[in-house]
Amino acid sequence: MKLDHGFKLKSHWREPMLPTGIDAIAGLPRTEQALCALSLLEFGGWGLEHIGEWWSLLIVRDALMGKRRFGEFQQSLGAARNILAVRLKKLVACGILEKIPAAYGARREYVLTDKGRELGMVLLALRLWGAKWLFEPSARERLTDRLTGEEVGLELRTKDGRRVRPTDIALFPKLSQRVKAPTAKA
């Protein structure tokens, strides 16, 4: 089976791969657990077609960590110039990155938009989940506040600030599922 992100998965996964929860992937090797977790985003109906391939998520990750220049992304990712250029262009077109004039020189830099920063939060949440569930405590990386060194975590809150647990959440159907589509004229 081959998912859109380009990783080949072992044949013991059935088509379509629809794990019923974390327990369904717990017995797999760590690398396959991570791939399965990432693919849950696709099967959850969130489709990543909007931002492109998995390389694009790595670009967002790097931008979140402060990279801004084409050369910085290329050095970090080891991507070919033409492939990186296409990915960056798509992220700009999708409104995830914005090209701005560099502080010095004639070149331009890429910065995350609000939409991109929110996508970055999703990546951080996935990273925290992976650190907690896929690695031994001694091998886990930690996210910390740069000013205080205090460990950072993510949680869901309502608009008024009340903490919400996953069991407290209701998902309402999309508008497209509530409204009948117009029928084609003959």
C-alpha atoms as a PDB file:
ATOM      1  CA  MET A   1       0.000   0.000   0.000  1.00  0.00           C
ATOM      2  CA  LYS A   2       1.327   3.465  -0.804  1.00  0.00           C
ATOM      3  CA  LEU A   3      -0.068   6.605   0.782  1.00  0.00           C
ATOM      4  CA  ASP A   4       0.102  10.071  -0.762  1.00  0.00           C
ATOM      5  CA  HIS A   5       3.102  11.036   1.342  1.00  0.00           C
ATOM      6  CA  GLY A   6       5.271   8.563  -0.559  1.00  0.00           C
ATOM      7  CA  PHE A   7       6.066   6.031   2.160  1.00  0.00           C
ATOM      8  CA  LYS A   8       5.541   2.377   1.340  1.00  0.00           C
ATOM      9  CA  LEU A   9       3.801   0.543   4.123  1.00  0.00           C
ATOM     10  CA  LYS A  10       4.164  -3.143   4.842  1.00  0.00           C
ATOM     11  CA  SER A  11       1.651  -5.478   3.264  1.00  0.00           C
ATOM     12  CA  HIS A  12       0.188  -6.593   6.607  1.00  0.00           C
ATOM     13  CA  TRP A  13      -1.843  -3.365   6.618  1.00  0.00           C
ATOM     14  CA  ARG A  14      -5.163  -3.854   4.947  1.00  0.00           C
ATOM     15  CA  GLU A  15      -6.743  -1.516   2.374  1.00  0.00           C
ATOM     16  CA  PRO A  16      -7.984   0.970   3.352  1.00  0.00           C
ATOM     17  CA  MET A  17      -5.871   1.495   6.464  1.00  0.00           C
ATOM     18  CA  LEU A  18      -8.422   2.616   9.004  1.00  0.00           C
ATOM     19  CA  PRO A  19      -7.066   1.972  12.487  1.00  0.00           C
ATOM     20  CA  THR A  20      -9.750   2.041  15.137  1.00  0.00           C
ATOM     21  CA  GLY A  21      -7.491   3.842  17.587  1.00  0.00           C
ATOM     22  CA  ILE A  22      -4.013   4.040  19.009  1.00  0.00           C
ATOM     23  CA  ASP A  23      -4.214   0.421  20.199  1.00  0.00           C
ATOM     24  CA  ALA A  24      -4.542  -0.693  16.575  1.00  0.00           C
ATOM     25  CA  ILE A  25      -1.031   0.544  15.794  1.00  0.00           C
ATOM     26  CA  ALA A  26       0.694  -0.097  19.124  1.00  0.00           C
ATOM     27  CA  GLY A  27       2.245  -3.404  18.020  1.00  0.00           C
ATOM     28  CA  LEU A  28       3.886  -1.959  14.909  1.00  0.00           C
ATOM     29  CA  PRO A  29       7.527  -0.829  14.740  1.00  0.00           C
ATOM     30  CA  ARG A  30       8.044   2.799  15.828  1.00  0.00           C
ATOM     31  CA  THR A  31       8.568   4.136  12.291  1.00  0.00           C
ATOM     32  CA  GLU A  32       5.362   2.527  11.062  1.00  0.00           C
ATOM     33  CA  GLN A  33       3.488   3.826  14.121  1.00  0.00           C
ATOM     34  CA  ALA A  34       4.496   7.353  13.177  1.00  0.00           C
ATOM     35  CA  LEU A  35       3.491   6.858   9.535  1.00  0.00           C
ATOM     36  CA  CYS A  36       0.157   5.439  10.605  1.00  0.00           C
ATOM     37  CA  ALA A  37      -0.431   8.340  12.970  1.00  0.00           C
ATOM     38  CA  LEU A  38       0.340  10.821  10.229  1.00  0.00           C
ATOM     39  CA  SER A  39      -1.960   9.030   7.815  1.00  0.00           C
ATOM     40  CA  LEU A  40      -4.787   9.315  10.342  1.00  0.00           C
ATOM     41  CA  LEU A  41      -4.905  12.971   9.333  1.00  0.00           C
ATOM     42  CA  GLU A  42      -5.849  11.914   5.814  1.00  0.00           C
ATOM     43  CA  PHE A  43      -8.374   9.290   6.887  1.00  0.00           C
ATOM     44  CA  GLY A  44      -9.868  11.708   9.393  1.00  0.00           C
ATOM     45  CA  GLY A  45     -11.230  13.649   6.432  1.00  0.00           C
ATOM     46  CA  TRP A  46      -8.764  16.487   6.911  1.00  0.00           C
ATOM     47  CA  GLY A  47      -6.938  15.724   3.637  1.00  0.00           C
ATOM     48  CA  LEU A  48      -3.546  17.291   3.221  1.00  0.00           C
ATOM     49  CA  GLU A  49      -4.034  17.904  -0.487  1.00  0.00           C
ATOM     50  CA  HIS A  50      -4.420  21.571   0.358  1.00  0.00           C
ATOM     51  CA  ILE A  51      -0.758  21.948   1.272  1.00  0.00           C
ATOM     52  CA  GLY A  52       0.764  19.246  -0.888  1.00  0.00           C
ATOM     53  CA  GLU A  53       3.114  16.442  -0.042  1.00  0.00           C
ATOM     54  CA  TRP A  54       4.787  15.675   3.266  1.00  0.00           C
ATOM     55  CA  TRP A  55       7.788  17.766   2.245  1.00  0.00           C
ATOM     56  CA  SER A  56       5.501  20.751   2.689  1.00  0.00           C
ATOM     57  CA  LEU A  57       4.928  19.891   6.342  1.00  0.00           C
ATOM     58  CA  LEU A  58       8.685  19.763   6.863  1.00  0.00           C
ATOM     59  CA  ILE A  59       8.939  23.251   5.360  1.00  0.00           C
ATOM     60  CA  VAL A  60       6.233  24.476   7.761  1.00  0.00           C
ATOM     61  CA  ARG A  61       8.114  22.835  10.644  1.00  0.00           C
ATOM     62  CA  ASP A  62      11.332  24.602   9.640  1.00  0.00           C
ATOM     63  CA  ALA A  63       9.540  27.947   9.235  1.00  0.00           C
ATOM     64  CA  LEU A  64       8.029  27.482  12.682  1.00  0.00           C
ATOM     65  CA  MET A  65      11.547  26.995  14.048  1.00  0.00           C
ATOM     66  CA  GLY A  66      12.735  30.243  12.456  1.00  0.00           C
ATOM     67  CA  LYS A  67      14.012  29.411   8.984  1.00  0.00           C
ATOM     68  CA  ARG A  68      13.104  32.054   6.400  1.00  0.00           C
ATOM     69  CA  ARG A  69      15.462  31.890   3.425  1.00  0.00           C
ATOM     70  CA  PHE A  70      15.376  29.464   0.495  1.00  0.00           C
ATOM     71  CA  GLY A  71      18.936  28.349   1.265  1.00  0.00           C
ATOM     72  CA  GLU A  72      18.064  27.630   4.913  1.00  0.00           C
ATOM     73  CA  PHE A  73      15.187  25.384   3.862  1.00  0.00           C
ATOM     74  CA  GLN A  74      17.335  23.652   1.266  1.00  0.00           C
ATOM     75  CA  GLN A  75      20.169  23.032   3.719  1.00  0.00           C
ATOM     76  CA  SER A  76      17.811  21.685   6.383  1.00  0.00           C
ATOM     77  CA  LEU A  77      15.766  19.436   4.085  1.00  0.00           C
ATOM     78  CA  GLY A  78      18.347  18.438   1.491  1.00  0.00           C
ATOM     79  CA  ALA A  79      15.712  18.900  -1.206  1.00  0.00           C
ATOM     80  CA  ALA A  80      16.546  19.626  -4.830  1.00  0.00           C
ATOM     81  CA  ARG A  81      16.175  23.323  -5.686  1.00  0.00           C
ATOM     82  CA  ASN A  82      13.415  22.733  -8.249  1.00  0.00           C
ATOM     83  CA  ILE A  83      11.335  20.565  -5.884  1.00  0.00           C
ATOM     84  CA  LEU A  84      11.764  22.990  -2.989  1.00  0.00           C
ATOM     85  CA  ALA A  85      10.795  25.918  -5.232  1.00  0.00           C
ATOM     86  CA  VAL A  86       7.564  24.163  -6.253  1.00  0.00           C
ATOM     87  CA  ARG A  87       6.678  23.327  -2.627  1.00  0.00           C
ATOM     88  CA  LEU A  88       7.341  26.875  -1.448  1.00  0.00           C
ATOM     89  CA  LYS A  89       5.282  28.286  -4.310  1.00  0.00           C
ATOM     90  CA  LYS A  90       2.359  26.013  -3.400  1.00  0.00           C
ATOM     91  CA  LEU A  91       2.547  26.984   0.280  1.00  0.00           C
ATOM     92  CA  VAL A  92       2.483  30.660  -0.733  1.00  0.00           C
ATOM     93  CA  ALA A  93      -0.469  30.040  -3.083  1.00  0.00           C
ATOM     94  CA  CYS A  94      -2.354  28.259  -0.280  1.00  0.00           C
ATOM     95  CA  GLY A  95      -1.795  31.170   2.097  1.00  0.00           C
ATOM     96  CA  ILE A  96       0.391  29.199   4.505  1.00  0.00           C
ATOM     97  CA  LEU A  97       3.591  31.116   3.724  1.00  0.00           C
ATOM     98  CA  GLU A  98       4.060  34.677   2.562  1.00  0.00           C
ATOM     99  CA  LYS A  99       7.013  36.060   0.589  1.00  0.00           C
ATOM    100  CA  ILE A 100       8.329  39.306   2.027  1.00  0.00           C
ATOM    101  CA  PRO A 101      11.346  41.470   1.182  1.00  0.00           C
ATOM    102  CA  ALA A 102      14.421  40.457   3.170  1.00  0.00           C
ATOM    103  CA  ALA A 103      15.726  42.894   5.734  1.00  0.00           C
ATOM    104  CA  TYR A 104      18.904  43.167   3.672  1.00  0.00           C
ATOM    105  CA  GLY A 105      19.717  42.448   0.059  1.00  0.00           C
ATOM    106  CA  ALA A 106      17.428  41.995  -2.914  1.00  0.00           C
ATOM    107  CA  ARG A 107      16.250  38.538  -1.922  1.00  0.00           C
ATOM    108  CA  ARG A 108      12.933  37.601  -0.407  1.00  0.00           C
ATOM    109  CA  GLU A 109      12.101  35.564   2.667  1.00  0.00           C
ATOM    110  CA  TYR A 110       9.273  33.197   3.524  1.00  0.00           C
ATOM    111  CA  VAL A 111       7.281  33.741   6.710  1.00  0.00           C
ATOM    112  CA  LEU A 112       4.314  31.883   8.112  1.00  0.00           C
ATOM    113  CA  THR A 113       0.916  33.542   7.823  1.00  0.00           C
ATOM    114  CA  ASP A 114      -1.682  33.180  10.574  1.00  0.00           C
ATOM    115  CA  LYS A 115      -2.966  30.130   8.682  1.00  0.00           C
ATOM    116  CA  GLY A 116       0.575  28.725   8.601  1.00  0.00           C
ATOM    117  CA  ARG A 117       1.174  29.346  12.312  1.00  0.00           C
ATOM    118  CA  GLU A 118      -2.043  27.489  13.127  1.00  0.00           C
ATOM    119  CA  LEU A 119      -0.900  24.579  10.960  1.00  0.00           C
ATOM    120  CA  GLY A 120       2.349  24.747  12.912  1.00  0.00           C
ATOM    121  CA  MET A 121       0.363  24.210  16.115  1.00  0.00           C
ATOM    122  CA  VAL A 122      -1.061  21.016  14.621  1.00  0.00           C
ATOM    123  CA  LEU A 123       2.464  19.838  13.818  1.00  0.00           C
ATOM    124  CA  LEU A 124       3.628  20.666  17.339  1.00  0.00           C
ATOM    125  CA  ALA A 125       0.698  18.728  18.791  1.00  0.00           C
ATOM    126  CA  LEU A 126       1.580  15.728  16.622  1.00  0.00           C
ATOM    127  CA  ARG A 127       5.218  16.041  17.658  1.00  0.00           C
ATOM    128  CA  LEU A 128       4.278  16.109  21.356  1.00  0.00           C
ATOM    129  CA  TRP A 129       2.007  13.100  20.877  1.00  0.00           C
ATOM    130  CA  GLY A 130       4.808  11.207  19.132  1.00  0.00           C
ATOM    131  CA  ALA A 131       7.316  12.065  21.850  1.00  0.00           C
ATOM    132  CA  LYS A 132       4.939  10.817  24.531  1.00  0.00           C
ATOM    133  CA  TRP A 133       3.683   7.625  22.896  1.00  0.00           C
ATOM    134  CA  LEU A 134       6.384   6.466  20.488  1.00  0.00           C
ATOM    135  CA  PHE A 135       9.580   6.941  22.509  1.00  0.00           C
ATOM    136  CA  GLU A 136      10.932   5.786  25.841  1.00  0.00           C
ATOM    137  CA  PRO A 137      11.033   8.571  28.456  1.00  0.00           C
ATOM    138  CA  SER A 138      14.828   8.835  28.215  1.00  0.00           C
ATOM    139  CA  ALA A 139      14.672   9.330  24.422  1.00  0.00           C
ATOM    140  CA  ARG A 140      11.870  11.927  24.347  1.00  0.00           C
ATOM    141  CA  GLU A 141      12.499  15.436  23.142  1.00  0.00           C
ATOM    142  CA  ARG A 142      10.830  18.292  24.991  1.00  0.00           C
ATOM    143  CA  LEU A 143       9.409  21.580  23.760  1.00  0.00           C
ATOM    144  CA  THR A 144      10.377  24.434  26.060  1.00  0.00           C
ATOM    145  CA  ASP A 145       9.741  28.152  26.376  1.00  0.00           C
ATOM    146  CA  ARG A 146      12.848  29.943  25.067  1.00  0.00           C
ATOM    147  CA  LEU A 147      12.669  32.604  27.795  1.00  0.00           C
ATOM    148  CA  THR A 148      12.049  30.458  30.871  1.00  0.00           C
ATOM    149  CA  GLY A 149      13.084  26.942  29.823  1.00  0.00           C
ATOM    150  CA  GLU A 150       9.746  25.709  31.156  1.00  0.00           C
ATOM    151  CA  GLU A 151       8.300  22.677  29.348  1.00  0.00           C
ATOM    152  CA  VAL A 152       5.428  23.489  26.976  1.00  0.00           C
ATOM    153  CA  GLY A 153       2.291  21.442  26.393  1.00  0.00           C
ATOM    154  CA  LEU A 154      -0.830  21.875  24.309  1.00  0.00           C
ATOM    155  CA  GLU A 155      -4.436  21.676  25.400  1.00  0.00           C
ATOM    156  CA  LEU A 156      -7.861  22.519  24.037  1.00  0.00           C
ATOM    157  CA  ARG A 157      -9.782  25.457  25.480  1.00  0.00           C
ATOM    158  CA  THR A 158     -13.117  27.077  24.752  1.00  0.00           C
ATOM    159  CA  LYS A 159     -13.265  30.723  23.661  1.00  0.00           C
ATOM    160  CA  ASP A 160     -13.830  31.746  27.288  1.00  0.00           C
ATOM    161  CA  GLY A 161     -10.716  29.821  28.407  1.00  0.00           C
ATOM    162  CA  ARG A 162     -12.248  26.704  29.955  1.00  0.00           C
ATOM    163  CA  ARG A 163     -10.103  23.586  29.450  1.00  0.00           C
ATOM    164  CA  VAL A 164     -11.796  20.919  27.314  1.00  0.00           C
ATOM    165  CA  ARG A 165     -10.984  17.210  27.307  1.00  0.00           C
ATOM    166  CA  PRO A 166     -11.301  15.161  24.102  1.00  0.00           C
ATOM    167  CA  THR A 167     -14.324  13.391  25.599  1.00  0.00           C
ATOM    168  CA  ASP A 168     -16.076  16.777  25.943  1.00  0.00           C
ATOM    169  CA  ILE A 169     -15.882  17.571  22.230  1.00  0.00           C
ATOM    170  CA  ALA A 170     -18.677  17.232  19.676  1.00  0.00           C
ATOM    171  CA  LEU A 171     -17.987  17.407  15.949  1.00  0.00           C
ATOM    172  CA  PHE A 172     -20.745  18.951  13.902  1.00  0.00           C
ATOM    173  CA  PRO A 173     -21.187  17.896  10.268  1.00  0.00           C
ATOM    174  CA  LYS A 174     -19.696  20.028   7.548  1.00  0.00           C
ATOM    175  CA  LEU A 175     -22.020  22.398   5.742  1.00  0.00           C
ATOM    176  CA  SER A 176     -21.729  20.248   2.625  1.00  0.00           C
ATOM    177  CA  GLN A 177     -23.168  17.324   4.569  1.00  0.00           C
ATOM    178  CA  ARG A 178     -26.114  19.363   5.877  1.00  0.00           C
ATOM    179  CA  VAL A 179     -27.167  21.026   2.628  1.00  0.00           C
ATOM    180  CA  LYS A 180     -28.315  19.101  -0.415  1.00  0.00           C
ATOM    181  CA  ALA A 181     -26.237  19.719  -3.496  1.00  0.00           C
ATOM    182  CA  PRO A 182     -28.161  21.047  -6.482  1.00  0.00           C
ATOM    183  CA  THR A 183     -28.989  18.410  -9.070  1.00  0.00           C
ATOM    184  CA  ALA A 184     -27.523  18.631 -12.547  1.00  0.00           C
ATOM    185  CA  LYS A 185     -29.867  19.866 -15.255  1.00  0.00           C
ATOM    186  CA  ALA A 186     -30.594  17.388 -18.028  1.00  0.00           C
END
